[in-house]
Protein backbone atom coordinates (compact mmCIF):
# COMPACT_ATOMS: atom_id res chain seq x y z
CA MET A 1 -6.05 -17.28 42.09
CA PHE A 2 -6.28 -14.44 39.56
CA ARG A 3 -6.24 -16.02 36.21
CA ASN A 4 -6.71 -12.95 33.92
CA LEU A 5 -7.50 -8.82 33.87
CA ILE A 6 -10.21 -8.65 30.79
CA PRO A 7 -11.00 -4.50 29.65
CA LYS A 8 -14.49 -3.62 28.61
CA ILE A 9 -13.45 -1.60 25.81
CA PHE A 10 -16.40 1.30 24.81
CA TYR A 11 -17.30 1.97 21.13
CA ASP A 12 -19.82 4.75 19.37
CA HIS A 13 -20.68 1.85 16.79
CA LEU A 14 -19.57 -1.66 17.77
CA GLN A 15 -18.13 -2.08 13.57
CA ASP A 16 -15.18 0.02 14.52
CA GLY A 17 -14.08 -1.79 18.00
CA LEU A 18 -14.20 -5.18 15.18
CA GLU A 19 -12.44 -3.50 12.73
CA PHE A 20 -9.10 -2.23 14.65
CA PHE A 21 -9.21 -5.64 16.74
CA VAL A 22 -10.57 -8.57 14.29
CA GLY A 23 -9.27 -6.22 10.86
CA GLY A 24 -6.14 -4.46 12.48
CA LEU A 25 -5.11 -6.36 15.53
CA GLY A 26 -5.61 -10.54 14.13
CA PHE A 27 -7.91 -11.12 17.05
CA GLU A 28 -10.91 -13.66 16.32
CA ILE A 29 -14.43 -13.14 17.70
CA LEU A 30 -15.29 -15.44 20.48
CA TYR A 31 -18.90 -13.99 20.55
CA GLN A 32 -21.02 -11.21 19.74
CA ASP A 33 -24.80 -9.87 20.03
CA GLY A 34 -26.48 -6.32 18.92
CA ASP A 35 -23.75 -4.37 21.05
CA MET A 36 -21.53 -6.12 22.17
CA ALA A 37 -18.51 -8.58 21.25
CA VAL A 38 -15.97 -10.74 23.43
CA VAL A 39 -12.08 -11.06 20.89
CA ALA A 40 -9.37 -12.86 21.51
CA ARG A 41 -6.07 -13.81 20.21
CA ASP A 42 -3.42 -15.77 21.66
CA GLY A 43 -4.73 -15.52 25.60
CA ALA A 44 -5.34 -12.25 25.73
CA LYS A 45 -8.93 -11.42 25.90
CA ALA A 46 -11.28 -7.88 25.32
CA TYR A 47 -14.96 -6.95 25.36
CA ILE A 48 -15.53 -4.88 23.20
CA VAL A 49 -19.27 -2.39 23.72
CA GLU A 50 -21.02 -0.54 22.10
CA SER A 51 -21.72 2.40 23.86
CA PRO A 52 -21.41 6.39 22.62
CA GLU A 53 -22.27 7.46 26.12
CA TYR A 54 -19.15 5.55 27.79
CA ALA A 55 -17.18 5.81 24.35
CA ALA A 56 -17.44 9.92 24.89
CA LYS A 57 -15.44 9.79 27.78
CA ASP A 58 -13.06 7.05 27.93
CA ARG A 59 -10.36 6.14 25.29
CA PRO A 60 -8.26 3.48 26.63
CA GLU A 61 -4.04 2.60 26.34
CA LEU A 62 -3.79 -1.25 26.52
CA ALA A 63 -0.61 -3.16 26.81
CA VAL A 64 0.01 -6.67 25.67
CA GLU A 65 3.47 -7.90 26.94
CA THR A 66 4.99 -10.86 24.26
CA ASP A 67 8.19 -12.33 24.58
CA CYS A 68 8.72 -11.77 20.23
CA ILE A 69 7.87 -8.07 19.77
CA ASP A 70 9.68 -8.44 16.45
CA GLU A 71 7.53 -11.51 14.51
CA ILE A 72 4.51 -9.30 16.15
CA PHE A 73 5.68 -5.73 14.63
CA LYS A 74 6.57 -7.40 11.19
CA GLU A 75 2.70 -9.38 11.09
CA MET A 76 1.23 -5.51 12.33
CA SER A 77 2.35 -3.34 9.58
CA SER A 78 2.23 -5.73 7.17
CA ARG A 79 -1.19 -6.25 8.05
CA ALA A 80 -2.72 -2.82 9.55
CA PRO A 81 0.27 -0.77 8.81
CA GLN A 82 -2.29 2.69 8.29
CA LEU A 83 -3.05 1.76 12.53
CA LEU A 84 0.98 2.12 13.42
CA HIS A 85 0.88 4.67 16.08
CA PRO A 86 2.48 8.11 14.40
CA ASN A 87 4.19 8.53 17.80
CA SER A 88 5.61 4.76 17.53
CA ARG A 89 5.83 3.65 14.62
CA SER A 90 8.59 1.14 15.09
CA VAL A 91 9.98 -1.26 17.45
CA SER A 92 12.21 0.80 19.84
CA LEU A 93 13.37 1.06 23.34
CA ARG A 94 12.36 3.29 25.68
CA PRO A 95 13.66 4.84 29.27
CA TRP A 96 11.73 2.66 31.61
CA GLY A 97 13.97 -0.36 29.60
CA ALA A 98 10.90 -2.38 27.53
CA ARG A 99 11.14 -2.59 23.49
CA GLU A 100 7.74 -1.53 22.58
CA PHE A 101 5.37 0.00 19.28
CA ALA A 102 2.23 1.08 19.05
CA MET A 103 -1.51 0.57 17.19
CA LEU A 104 -4.15 3.15 17.32
CA ASP A 105 -7.58 2.90 15.92
CA LYS A 106 -9.76 6.22 14.62
CA THR A 107 -11.20 6.47 17.96
CA THR A 108 -7.83 7.04 19.27
CA VAL A 109 -7.92 3.72 21.27
CA CYS A 110 -4.43 2.49 21.89
CA VAL A 111 -2.26 -0.97 22.22
CA VAL A 112 0.79 -1.26 23.26
CA PHE A 113 2.97 -3.99 22.57
CA ARG A 114 5.94 -4.50 25.04
CA GLU A 115 8.31 -6.81 25.41
CA TRP A 116 10.37 -6.56 28.80
CA PRO A 117 14.70 -8.06 28.48
CA ASN A 118 15.05 -11.15 30.06
CA ALA A 119 15.40 -10.85 33.49
CA GLY A 120 19.19 -12.35 34.79
């Protein structure tokens, strides 16, 4: 049985990833060594890895689904307003039916926060 899909996100410098995920998004460090950290918050987890080679090849967009997007937006916009994505700076209803906003770090890693409408 599948439980979680955990992304590995590459950065030129590990500190850039920690600034975004820990400082900006409020994740906690579960483990850290010289070139890798495991960060988590509320059941979401990511591996932050220092690798200039792979960071140059991929700047991912990740999505976090939630059932309290307004609370998360309030927290993120007060915690790190400079990280709000310029094209998604507020919670808005998207054509596909979800309410979303996004955060963008200085390396262009993007995290979209998404809330789907209640079913039925």
